[in-house]
């Protein structure tokens, strides 16, 4: 069985469409490098993680956003 790399690099982006009665205005958009991985901690158990540094793409979005997510899965 082929092993997946412990850490994978990707591009991640998030955005909003704005309020439904004012579509396209007051939107937020951010994009940047992200890293994803997982560690097998036992039979049918794993720890998944991802982190990103996202940069604002318009004036309504913060200049920089740092995010991190940690997830523990059991089956």
Protein backbone atom coordinates (compact mmCIF):
# COMPACT_ATOMS: atom_id res chain seq x y z
CA UNK A 1 0.00 0.00 0.00
CA UNK A 2 1.37 3.43 -0.94
CA UNK A 3 1.89 5.89 1.92
CA UNK A 4 0.71 9.46 1.64
CA UNK A 5 3.18 12.20 2.51
CA UNK A 6 2.95 13.36 6.12
CA UNK A 7 2.57 16.98 4.97
CA UNK A 8 1.00 18.26 1.75
CA UNK A 9 1.10 21.87 0.51
CA UNK A 10 -1.93 23.40 -1.22
CA UNK A 11 -3.56 26.77 -1.91
CA UNK A 12 -6.64 27.59 0.17
CA UNK A 13 -9.18 30.34 -0.32
CA UNK A 14 -12.35 31.58 1.35
CA UNK A 15 -14.87 34.21 0.36
CA UNK A 16 -18.38 35.50 0.86
CA UNK A 17 -21.05 36.63 -1.56
CA UNK A 18 -22.44 39.40 0.63
CA UNK A 19 -26.00 39.92 1.86
CA UNK A 20 -28.77 38.48 -0.29
CA UNK A 21 -30.38 41.88 -0.82
CA UNK A 22 -27.02 43.46 -1.77
CA UNK A 23 -25.24 40.62 -3.60
CA UNK A 24 -21.62 41.35 -4.46
CA UNK A 25 -21.11 44.25 -2.05
CA UNK A 26 -19.36 44.08 1.33
CA UNK A 27 -17.71 40.79 0.38
CA UNK A 28 -14.60 39.22 1.88
CA UNK A 29 -12.04 37.17 -0.07
CA UNK A 30 -8.78 35.62 1.16
CA UNK A 31 -6.28 33.17 -0.29
CA UNK A 32 -2.88 31.76 0.61
CA UNK A 33 -0.64 28.74 1.19
CA UNK A 34 -1.95 25.90 3.34
CA UNK A 35 -0.47 22.68 4.71
CA UNK A 36 -2.43 19.49 5.40
CA UNK A 37 -1.43 16.22 7.04
CA UNK A 38 -2.47 13.32 9.20
CA UNK A 39 -0.95 10.95 11.71
CA UNK A 40 -2.30 7.44 12.24
CA UNK A 41 -2.55 7.01 16.03
CA UNK A 42 -3.89 3.46 16.10
CA UNK A 43 -6.21 1.05 14.35
CA UNK A 44 -9.03 3.10 12.80
CA UNK A 45 -7.82 6.30 14.50
CA UNK A 46 -6.02 9.31 13.09
CA UNK A 47 -5.14 12.88 13.90
CA UNK A 48 -5.70 15.27 10.98
CA UNK A 49 -4.34 18.80 10.88
CA UNK A 50 -4.14 21.78 8.57
CA UNK A 51 -2.79 25.31 8.83
CA UNK A 52 -2.82 28.30 6.50
CA UNK A 53 -1.74 31.92 6.18
CA UNK A 54 -4.41 33.71 4.15
CA UNK A 55 -4.02 37.16 2.61
CA UNK A 56 -6.90 39.56 2.05
CA UNK A 57 -7.78 40.12 -1.61
CA UNK A 58 -9.93 43.24 -1.19
CA UNK A 59 -10.43 46.19 1.17
CA UNK A 60 -13.20 44.45 3.18
CA UNK A 61 -10.92 41.61 4.27
CA UNK A 62 -8.26 41.65 7.01
CA UNK A 63 -4.75 41.90 5.54
CA UNK A 64 -3.61 38.56 7.01
CA UNK A 65 -5.47 35.65 8.62
CA UNK A 66 -3.72 32.71 10.29
CA UNK A 67 -5.82 29.56 10.76
CA UNK A 68 -5.17 26.13 12.24
CA UNK A 69 -7.45 23.11 12.54
CA UNK A 70 -6.92 19.88 14.46
CA UNK A 71 -9.28 16.89 14.15
CA UNK A 72 -9.23 13.48 15.84
CA UNK A 73 -11.10 10.73 13.96
CA UNK A 74 -12.25 7.36 15.19
CA UNK A 75 -14.28 4.81 13.28
